[in-house]
Amino acid sequence: MEKLTVIIPTYNESHNIEAVLKSVDFADEIMVIDSFSNDDTIEKAKKYTNFIIQRKYDYSASQKNWAIPQATYNWILLVDADERVTQELKEEIISLLKSPKINEYAGYWIYRKNYFMGKEIKHGGFRRDRVIRLFKRDVCKYEDKQVHEEIETKGKVGVLKNKLTHNTYISFDFHIEKLNRYAWYQANDYNKNTGVLTPFHFVVKPVWRFFKHYIIQGGFRDGFVGLTLAFFQYYAVFTRYVKIWLLRKNIK
C-alpha cells in the first residue's frame, strides 16, 4: 500500500481547521503549512498533527511548491482548509492507494461539490469544477501563477469518482475582499500579456462573463445565489482590468 501525505495550507482558519483535519485522519502524515496565523489555528491543529511548518505567504503556488518537497511520502493529497474529504472519497483514495493501478497516473482530478451562501451550487461555471489534488510529489508542481494555479505534470492524469466538498463562503464582505485581493494577483499575472486597455476589457469582457455564467451555463437555475455568483464573476473581471490600469499608472 502506498503511503500518503496530506498538505493543508492555512492562514487564520480557526473556524475550519479541526473539521478539515478530521476529514483526512486516514493519512499517514498530515502537514499544515501556515502563513503565520494570528488566531488559534495552530493550537487547534496541534491536536491532530505535529507536522506544522510556517512560512511568510507570497502567493498560493509559491507556498504550495515550497511545502510539497518536504512531504515524507511520494503521494500527496492537498486539501484547502475550506474543503472536506467525504467518507466516499476517503474510501476511494484508500482503495486506490492499495492498488498498483495508482501508479498508472501522475495525479488525479477530483471534482468539487461547491456550497455558497448556504446553498449547493449545481449550475453556472461551478457545475464541472475540478482540481488536481492527489498527485506524486516528485513529478508534479503548481504552475507559477499568483491565482487560479493548477498542477503541472508530464505524466497522465486520471479522474476520481467521488467529490470534495467546498464551502468558500464566510460572509458577503469577506468574499468581496477576497475578490479584490485576487484581482491584484490576476493583474500581475495578466499585465504582460494584455495590450492597450479599451472598453472591450472594461465593458465587453465583464458582461460576457456574467452572461456566460448566468445564462449559457445555467446559473439562473441556482436562484438568487446564482445571480449573486454571476455578479461576482462580472465584478472579478472588471476589477482585474481596473487593477491592471492602476498598476500601469503606478497607483494603488
C-alpha atoms as a PDB file:
ATOM      1  CA  MET A   1       0.000   0.000   0.000  1.00  0.00           C
ATOM      2  CA  GLU A   2       1.309   3.427  -0.951  1.00  0.00           C
ATOM      3  CA  LYS A   3       1.577   5.889   1.924  1.00  0.00           C
ATOM      4  CA  LEU A   4       0.017   9.325   1.795  1.00  0.00           C
ATOM      5  CA  THR A   5       0.938  12.815   2.963  1.00  0.00           C
ATOM      6  CA  VAL A   6      -1.859  15.360   3.260  1.00  0.00           C
ATOM      7  CA  ILE A   7      -0.899  19.031   2.923  1.00  0.00           C
ATOM      8  CA  ILE A   8      -3.224  21.743   4.260  1.00  0.00           C
ATOM      9  CA  PRO A   9      -2.301  25.416   3.656  1.00  0.00           C
ATOM     10  CA  THR A  10      -3.700  27.755   6.332  1.00  0.00           C
ATOM     11  CA  TYR A  11      -3.990  31.346   7.438  1.00  0.00           C
ATOM     12  CA  ASN A  12      -6.428  32.249  10.214  1.00  0.00           C
ATOM     13  CA  GLU A  13      -8.501  29.112   9.653  1.00  0.00           C
ATOM     14  CA  SER A  14      -9.638  28.581  13.243  1.00  0.00           C
ATOM     15  CA  HIS A  15     -13.219  28.117  12.023  1.00  0.00           C
ATOM     16  CA  ASN A  16     -12.183  25.400   9.542  1.00  0.00           C
ATOM     17  CA  ILE A  17      -9.059  23.654  10.737  1.00  0.00           C
ATOM     18  CA  GLU A  18     -10.473  20.952  13.010  1.00  0.00           C
ATOM     19  CA  ALA A  19     -13.130  19.820  10.558  1.00  0.00           C
ATOM     20  CA  VAL A  20     -10.695  19.543   7.649  1.00  0.00           C
ATOM     21  CA  LEU A  21      -8.134  17.699   9.798  1.00  0.00           C
ATOM     22  CA  LYS A  22     -10.774  15.216  10.941  1.00  0.00           C
ATOM     23  CA  SER A  23     -11.713  14.565   7.317  1.00  0.00           C
ATOM     24  CA  VAL A  24      -8.143  13.489   6.444  1.00  0.00           C
ATOM     25  CA  ASP A  25      -7.469  11.355   9.523  1.00  0.00           C
ATOM     26  CA  PHE A  26      -6.736   8.349   7.294  1.00  0.00           C
ATOM     27  CA  ALA A  27      -3.457   9.857   6.017  1.00  0.00           C
ATOM     28  CA  ASP A  28      -0.063   8.516   7.115  1.00  0.00           C
ATOM     29  CA  GLU A  29       1.199  12.075   7.534  1.00  0.00           C
ATOM     30  CA  ILE A  30      -0.559  15.432   7.817  1.00  0.00           C
ATOM     31  CA  MET A  31       1.374  18.629   7.111  1.00  0.00           C
ATOM     32  CA  VAL A  32      -0.080  22.035   7.961  1.00  0.00           C
ATOM     33  CA  ILE A  33       1.730  24.834   6.116  1.00  0.00           C
ATOM     34  CA  ASP A  34       0.699  28.019   7.903  1.00  0.00           C
ATOM     35  CA  SER A  35       1.244  31.645   6.899  1.00  0.00           C
ATOM     36  CA  PHE A  36       1.739  32.895  10.478  1.00  0.00           C
ATOM     37  CA  SER A  37      -1.887  32.845  11.579  1.00  0.00           C
ATOM     38  CA  ASN A  38      -2.737  35.263  14.384  1.00  0.00           C
ATOM     39  CA  ASP A  39      -5.763  33.325  15.629  1.00  0.00           C
ATOM     40  CA  ASP A  40      -5.728  29.896  17.298  1.00  0.00           C
ATOM     41  CA  THR A  41      -5.342  27.868  14.089  1.00  0.00           C
ATOM     42  CA  ILE A  42      -2.023  26.418  15.215  1.00  0.00           C
ATOM     43  CA  GLU A  43      -3.234  25.500  18.703  1.00  0.00           C
ATOM     44  CA  LYS A  44      -6.194  23.626  17.249  1.00  0.00           C
ATOM     45  CA  ALA A  45      -4.063  21.945  14.577  1.00  0.00           C
ATOM     46  CA  LYS A  46      -1.672  20.574  17.224  1.00  0.00           C
ATOM     47  CA  LYS A  47      -4.475  18.317  18.473  1.00  0.00           C
ATOM     48  CA  TYR A  48      -4.245  16.376  15.199  1.00  0.00           C
ATOM     49  CA  THR A  49      -0.670  16.670  13.897  1.00  0.00           C
ATOM     50  CA  ASN A  50       2.836  17.627  14.977  1.00  0.00           C
ATOM     51  CA  PHE A  51       3.921  18.420  11.415  1.00  0.00           C
ATOM     52  CA  ILE A  52       3.251  22.152  11.378  1.00  0.00           C
ATOM     53  CA  ILE A  53       5.551  24.489   9.461  1.00  0.00           C
ATOM     54  CA  GLN A  54       5.261  28.210   8.914  1.00  0.00           C
ATOM     55  CA  ARG A  55       6.324  30.447   6.054  1.00  0.00           C
ATOM     56  CA  LYS A  56       5.520  34.007   5.097  1.00  0.00           C
ATOM     57  CA  TYR A  57       2.834  33.981   2.401  1.00  0.00           C
ATOM     58  CA  ASP A  58       3.857  35.221  -1.028  1.00  0.00           C
ATOM     59  CA  TYR A  59       1.184  33.666  -3.216  1.00  0.00           C
ATOM     60  CA  SER A  60      -0.576  30.320  -3.286  1.00  0.00           C
ATOM     61  CA  ALA A  61       1.551  28.466  -5.852  1.00  0.00           C
ATOM     62  CA  SER A  62       4.769  29.587  -4.178  1.00  0.00           C
ATOM     63  CA  GLN A  63       3.522  28.420  -0.781  1.00  0.00           C
ATOM     64  CA  LYS A  64       2.406  25.017  -2.054  1.00  0.00           C
ATOM     65  CA  ASN A  65       5.536  24.399  -4.139  1.00  0.00           C
ATOM     66  CA  TRP A  66       7.681  25.169  -1.083  1.00  0.00           C
ATOM     67  CA  ALA A  67       5.732  22.651   1.014  1.00  0.00           C
ATOM     68  CA  ILE A  68       5.482  19.768  -1.468  1.00  0.00           C
ATOM     69  CA  PRO A  69       9.158  18.636  -1.385  1.00  0.00           C
ATOM     70  CA  GLN A  70       9.004  18.471   2.420  1.00  0.00           C
ATOM     71  CA  ALA A  71       6.422  15.690   2.370  1.00  0.00           C
ATOM     72  CA  THR A  72       7.765  12.327   3.541  1.00  0.00           C
ATOM     73  CA  TYR A  73       5.711  10.273   1.103  1.00  0.00           C
ATOM     74  CA  ASN A  74       5.548  10.388  -2.668  1.00  0.00           C
ATOM     75  CA  TRP A  75       1.753  10.515  -2.888  1.00  0.00           C
ATOM     76  CA  ILE A  76       0.250  13.813  -1.753  1.00  0.00           C
ATOM     77  CA  LEU A  77      -3.329  14.890  -1.176  1.00  0.00           C
ATOM     78  CA  LEU A  78      -3.564  18.670  -0.989  1.00  0.00           C
ATOM     79  CA  VAL A  79      -6.713  19.951   0.712  1.00  0.00           C
ATOM     80  CA  ASP A  80      -7.618  23.571   1.348  1.00  0.00           C
ATOM     81  CA  ALA A  81      -8.952  24.435   4.792  1.00  0.00           C
ATOM     82  CA  ASP A  82     -12.422  25.179   3.414  1.00  0.00           C
ATOM     83  CA  GLU A  83     -12.658  21.731   1.806  1.00  0.00           C
ATOM     84  CA  ARG A  84     -13.645  18.378   3.278  1.00  0.00           C
ATOM     85  CA  VAL A  85     -12.831  14.833   2.202  1.00  0.00           C
ATOM     86  CA  THR A  86     -16.105  12.935   2.272  1.00  0.00           C
ATOM     87  CA  GLN A  87     -16.333   9.361   3.519  1.00  0.00           C
ATOM     88  CA  GLU A  88     -16.890   8.156  -0.052  1.00  0.00           C
ATOM     89  CA  LEU A  89     -13.822   9.995  -1.336  1.00  0.00           C
ATOM     90  CA  LYS A  90     -11.788   8.740   1.624  1.00  0.00           C
ATOM     91  CA  GLU A  91     -12.696   5.125   0.817  1.00  0.00           C
ATOM     92  CA  GLU A  92     -11.901   5.630  -2.874  1.00  0.00           C
ATOM     93  CA  ILE A  93      -8.462   7.083  -2.107  1.00  0.00           C
ATOM     94  CA  ILE A  94      -7.636   4.289   0.363  1.00  0.00           C
ATOM     95  CA  SER A  95      -8.674   1.687  -2.200  1.00  0.00           C
ATOM     96  CA  LEU A  96      -6.531   3.380  -4.834  1.00  0.00           C
ATOM     97  CA  LEU A  97      -3.513   3.536  -2.521  1.00  0.00           C
ATOM     98  CA  LYS A  98      -3.810  -0.239  -2.069  1.00  0.00           C
ATOM     99  CA  SER A  99      -3.856  -0.856  -5.815  1.00  0.00           C
ATOM    100  CA  PRO A 100      -0.842  -0.951  -8.148  1.00  0.00           C
ATOM    101  CA  LYS A 101      -3.042   0.897 -10.649  1.00  0.00           C
ATOM    102  CA  ILE A 102      -2.452   4.120  -8.732  1.00  0.00           C
ATOM    103  CA  ASN A 103       0.950   4.475 -10.392  1.00  0.00           C
ATOM    104  CA  GLU A 104      -0.551   4.440 -13.866  1.00  0.00           C
ATOM    105  CA  TYR A 105      -1.091   8.154 -13.351  1.00  0.00           C
ATOM    106  CA  ALA A 106       0.966  11.060 -12.008  1.00  0.00           C
ATOM    107  CA  GLY A 107      -2.082  12.699 -10.494  1.00  0.00           C
ATOM    108  CA  TYR A 108      -5.858  12.635 -10.262  1.00  0.00           C
ATOM    109  CA  TRP A 109      -8.568  15.184 -10.890  1.00  0.00           C
ATOM    110  CA  ILE A 110     -11.100  15.480  -8.074  1.00  0.00           C
ATOM    111  CA  TYR A 111     -14.443  17.164  -8.695  1.00  0.00           C
ATOM    112  CA  ARG A 112     -15.796  19.528  -6.064  1.00  0.00           C
ATOM    113  CA  LYS A 113     -19.293  19.958  -4.682  1.00  0.00           C
ATOM    114  CA  ASN A 114     -19.451  23.695  -4.052  1.00  0.00           C
ATOM    115  CA  TYR A 115     -21.568  25.487  -1.477  1.00  0.00           C
ATOM    116  CA  PHE A 116     -22.115  29.241  -1.372  1.00  0.00           C
ATOM    117  CA  MET A 117     -24.316  31.326   0.912  1.00  0.00           C
ATOM    118  CA  GLY A 118     -25.687  28.096   2.368  1.00  0.00           C
ATOM    119  CA  LYS A 119     -26.705  26.597  -0.989  1.00  0.00           C
ATOM    120  CA  GLU A 120     -25.195  23.832  -3.102  1.00  0.00           C
ATOM    121  CA  ILE A 121     -24.252  25.306  -6.478  1.00  0.00           C
ATOM    122  CA  LYS A 122     -25.287  22.915  -9.251  1.00  0.00           C
ATOM    123  CA  HIS A 123     -25.050  25.157 -12.307  1.00  0.00           C
ATOM    124  CA  GLY A 124     -23.076  28.043 -13.735  1.00  0.00           C
ATOM    125  CA  GLY A 125     -19.317  27.957 -14.032  1.00  0.00           C
ATOM    126  CA  PHE A 126     -19.001  25.768 -10.946  1.00  0.00           C
ATOM    127  CA  ARG A 127     -21.009  22.835 -12.294  1.00  0.00           C
ATOM    128  CA  ARG A 128     -17.936  20.916 -13.506  1.00  0.00           C
ATOM    129  CA  ASP A 129     -15.418  22.371 -11.062  1.00  0.00           C
ATOM    130  CA  ARG A 130     -12.441  20.047 -10.640  1.00  0.00           C
ATOM    131  CA  VAL A 131      -8.869  20.264  -9.339  1.00  0.00           C
ATOM    132  CA  ILE A 132      -5.805  18.003  -9.350  1.00  0.00           C
ATOM    133  CA  ARG A 133      -5.292  17.308  -5.668  1.00  0.00           C
ATOM    134  CA  LEU A 134      -3.984  13.742  -5.441  1.00  0.00           C
ATOM    135  CA  PHE A 135      -0.568  13.648  -7.101  1.00  0.00           C
ATOM    136  CA  LYS A 136       3.020  12.388  -6.988  1.00  0.00           C
ATOM    137  CA  ARG A 137       5.419  14.614  -5.096  1.00  0.00           C
ATOM    138  CA  ASP A 138       8.399  14.131  -7.407  1.00  0.00           C
ATOM    139  CA  VAL A 139       6.774  14.749 -10.795  1.00  0.00           C
ATOM    140  CA  CYS A 140       4.178  17.423 -10.036  1.00  0.00           C
ATOM    141  CA  LYS A 141       4.252  21.068  -9.060  1.00  0.00           C
ATOM    142  CA  TYR A 142       1.973  24.075  -9.300  1.00  0.00           C
ATOM    143  CA  GLU A 143       2.305  26.435 -12.245  1.00  0.00           C
ATOM    144  CA  ASP A 144       3.885  29.730 -11.265  1.00  0.00           C
ATOM    145  CA  LYS A 145       0.757  31.894 -11.262  1.00  0.00           C
ATOM    146  CA  GLN A 146      -0.421  34.150  -8.474  1.00  0.00           C
ATOM    147  CA  VAL A 147      -4.030  32.929  -8.606  1.00  0.00           C
ATOM    148  CA  HIS A 148      -6.046  30.009 -10.050  1.00  0.00           C
ATOM    149  CA  GLU A 149      -2.911  27.888 -10.320  1.00  0.00           C
ATOM    150  CA  GLU A 150      -3.095  24.228 -11.304  1.00  0.00           C
ATOM    151  CA  ILE A 151      -0.765  21.253 -11.082  1.00  0.00           C
ATOM    152  CA  GLU A 152       1.718  20.806 -13.913  1.00  0.00           C
ATOM    153  CA  THR A 153       2.956  17.324 -14.791  1.00  0.00           C
ATOM    154  CA  LYS A 154       4.294  15.433 -17.805  1.00  0.00           C
ATOM    155  CA  GLY A 155       2.523  12.287 -16.664  1.00  0.00           C
ATOM    156  CA  LYS A 156      -1.025  11.140 -17.336  1.00  0.00           C
ATOM    157  CA  VAL A 157      -3.820  12.409 -15.096  1.00  0.00           C
ATOM    158  CA  GLY A 158      -6.742  10.241 -14.014  1.00  0.00           C
ATOM    159  CA  VAL A 159     -10.119  11.170 -12.519  1.00  0.00           C
ATOM    160  CA  LEU A 160     -11.635  10.116  -9.195  1.00  0.00           C
ATOM    161  CA  LYS A 161     -15.349   9.351  -8.972  1.00  0.00           C
ATOM    162  CA  ASN A 162     -16.134  10.991  -5.640  1.00  0.00           C
ATOM    163  CA  LYS A 163     -16.024  14.670  -4.785  1.00  0.00           C
ATOM    164  CA  LEU A 164     -14.521  17.071  -2.297  1.00  0.00           C
ATOM    165  CA  THR A 165     -16.989  19.373  -0.598  1.00  0.00           C
ATOM    166  CA  HIS A 166     -16.021  23.032  -0.818  1.00  0.00           C
ATOM    167  CA  ASN A 167     -17.558  25.921   1.134  1.00  0.00           C
ATOM    168  CA  THR A 168     -15.627  29.085   0.381  1.00  0.00           C
ATOM    169  CA  TYR A 169     -18.260  31.470   1.760  1.00  0.00           C
ATOM    170  CA  ILE A 170     -17.716  33.181   5.125  1.00  0.00           C
ATOM    171  CA  SER A 171     -19.570  36.454   4.615  1.00  0.00           C
ATOM    172  CA  PHE A 172     -20.514  38.790   1.765  1.00  0.00           C
ATOM    173  CA  ASP A 173     -17.945  41.388   2.791  1.00  0.00           C
ATOM    174  CA  PHE A 174     -15.229  38.756   3.186  1.00  0.00           C
ATOM    175  CA  HIS A 175     -15.921  37.482  -0.333  1.00  0.00           C
ATOM    176  CA  ILE A 176     -15.709  40.984  -1.816  1.00  0.00           C
ATOM    177  CA  GLU A 177     -12.374  41.458  -0.044  1.00  0.00           C
ATOM    178  CA  LYS A 178     -11.197  38.123  -1.443  1.00  0.00           C
ATOM    179  CA  LEU A 179     -12.207  39.124  -4.973  1.00  0.00           C
ATOM    180  CA  ASN A 180     -10.312  42.394  -4.588  1.00  0.00           C
ATOM    181  CA  ARG A 181      -7.226  40.569  -3.338  1.00  0.00           C
ATOM    182  CA  TYR A 182      -7.384  38.033  -6.164  1.00  0.00           C
ATOM    183  CA  ALA A 183      -7.830  40.846  -8.684  1.00  0.00           C
ATOM    184  CA  TRP A 184      -4.412  42.202  -7.701  1.00  0.00           C
ATOM    185  CA  TYR A 185      -2.893  38.754  -8.164  1.00  0.00           C
ATOM    186  CA  GLN A 186      -4.559  38.388 -11.559  1.00  0.00           C
ATOM    187  CA  ALA A 187      -3.467  41.874 -12.586  1.00  0.00           C
ATOM    188  CA  ASN A 188       0.142  40.806 -12.038  1.00  0.00           C
ATOM    189  CA  ASP A 189      -0.425  37.578 -13.995  1.00  0.00           C
ATOM    190  CA  TYR A 190      -2.290  39.215 -16.902  1.00  0.00           C
ATOM    191  CA  ASN A 191      -0.460  42.525 -17.217  1.00  0.00           C
ATOM    192  CA  LYS A 192       2.357  41.432 -19.543  1.00  0.00           C
ATOM    193  CA  ASN A 193       0.018  39.663 -21.947  1.00  0.00           C
ATOM    194  CA  THR A 194      -2.654  42.360 -22.040  1.00  0.00           C
ATOM    195  CA  GLY A 195      -2.370  45.024 -24.704  1.00  0.00           C
ATOM    196  CA  VAL A 196      -3.810  48.509 -24.655  1.00  0.00           C
ATOM    197  CA  LEU A 197      -6.800  48.656 -22.316  1.00  0.00           C
ATOM    198  CA  THR A 198     -10.028  49.583 -24.098  1.00  0.00           C
ATOM    199  CA  PRO A 199     -13.791  49.488 -23.408  1.00  0.00           C
ATOM    200  CA  PHE A 200     -13.597  45.868 -24.575  1.00  0.00           C
ATOM    201  CA  HIS A 201     -11.780  44.996 -21.331  1.00  0.00           C
ATOM    202  CA  PHE A 202     -13.932  47.115 -19.018  1.00  0.00           C
ATOM    203  CA  VAL A 203     -17.345  46.503 -20.579  1.00  0.00           C
ATOM    204  CA  VAL A 204     -17.495  43.612 -23.047  1.00  0.00           C
ATOM    205  CA  LYS A 205     -15.414  41.060 -21.123  1.00  0.00           C
ATOM    206  CA  PRO A 206     -17.183  41.516 -17.743  1.00  0.00           C
ATOM    207  CA  VAL A 207     -20.641  41.485 -19.360  1.00  0.00           C
ATOM    208  CA  TRP A 208     -19.743  38.384 -21.355  1.00  0.00           C
ATOM    209  CA  ARG A 209     -18.556  36.634 -18.188  1.00  0.00           C
ATOM    210  CA  PHE A 210     -21.876  37.431 -16.459  1.00  0.00           C
ATOM    211  CA  PHE A 211     -23.899  36.264 -19.477  1.00  0.00           C
ATOM    212  CA  LYS A 212     -21.881  33.070 -19.855  1.00  0.00           C
ATOM    213  CA  HIS A 213     -22.162  32.144 -16.171  1.00  0.00           C
ATOM    214  CA  TYR A 214     -25.788  33.155 -15.650  1.00  0.00           C
ATOM    215  CA  ILE A 215     -27.420  32.267 -18.986  1.00  0.00           C
ATOM    216  CA  ILE A 216     -25.271  29.889 -21.034  1.00  0.00           C
ATOM    217  CA  GLN A 217     -24.080  27.786 -18.082  1.00  0.00           C
ATOM    218  CA  GLY A 218     -27.443  27.975 -16.327  1.00  0.00           C
ATOM    219  CA  GLY A 219     -26.501  29.937 -13.219  1.00  0.00           C
ATOM    220  CA  PHE A 220     -30.063  31.312 -13.107  1.00  0.00           C
ATOM    221  CA  ARG A 221     -31.185  27.832 -12.007  1.00  0.00           C
ATOM    222  CA  ASP A 222     -29.465  28.408  -8.669  1.00  0.00           C
ATOM    223  CA  GLY A 223     -31.859  31.257  -7.909  1.00  0.00           C
ATOM    224  CA  PHE A 224     -30.718  34.355  -6.062  1.00  0.00           C
ATOM    225  CA  VAL A 225     -27.415  32.746  -5.099  1.00  0.00           C
ATOM    226  CA  GLY A 226     -26.764  32.003  -8.782  1.00  0.00           C
ATOM    227  CA  LEU A 227     -27.441  35.652  -9.625  1.00  0.00           C
ATOM    228  CA  THR A 228     -25.061  36.762  -6.876  1.00  0.00           C
ATOM    229  CA  LEU A 229     -22.318  34.476  -8.174  1.00  0.00           C
ATOM    230  CA  ALA A 230     -22.828  35.750 -11.725  1.00  0.00           C
ATOM    231  CA  PHE A 231     -22.418  39.291 -10.442  1.00  0.00           C
ATOM    232  CA  PHE A 232     -19.237  38.264  -8.654  1.00  0.00           C
ATOM    233  CA  GLN A 233     -17.949  36.845 -11.952  1.00  0.00           C
ATOM    234  CA  TYR A 234     -18.663  40.200 -13.617  1.00  0.00           C
ATOM    235  CA  TYR A 235     -17.035  42.080 -10.746  1.00  0.00           C
ATOM    236  CA  ALA A 236     -13.917  39.895 -10.768  1.00  0.00           C
ATOM    237  CA  VAL A 237     -13.223  40.501 -14.462  1.00  0.00           C
ATOM    238  CA  PHE A 238     -13.961  44.231 -14.298  1.00  0.00           C
ATOM    239  CA  THR A 239     -11.795  44.689 -11.199  1.00  0.00           C
ATOM    240  CA  ARG A 240      -8.925  42.727 -12.771  1.00  0.00           C
ATOM    241  CA  TYR A 241      -8.625  45.242 -15.605  1.00  0.00           C
ATOM    242  CA  VAL A 242      -9.095  48.240 -13.318  1.00  0.00           C
ATOM    243  CA  LYS A 243      -6.137  46.990 -11.311  1.00  0.00           C
ATOM    244  CA  ILE A 244      -4.056  46.430 -14.427  1.00  0.00           C
ATOM    245  CA  TRP A 245      -4.807  50.078 -15.263  1.00  0.00           C
ATOM    246  CA  LEU A 246      -3.766  51.084 -11.743  1.00  0.00           C
ATOM    247  CA  LEU A 247      -0.557  49.043 -11.982  1.00  0.00           C
ATOM    248  CA  ARG A 248       0.378  50.808 -15.198  1.00  0.00           C
ATOM    249  CA  LYS A 249      -0.313  54.189 -13.647  1.00  0.00           C
ATOM    250  CA  ASN A 250       1.623  53.170 -10.517  1.00  0.00           C
ATOM    251  CA  ILE A 251      -1.447  53.887  -8.421  1.00  0.00           C
ATOM    252  CA  LYS A 252      -2.643  51.696  -5.542  1.00  0.00           C
END
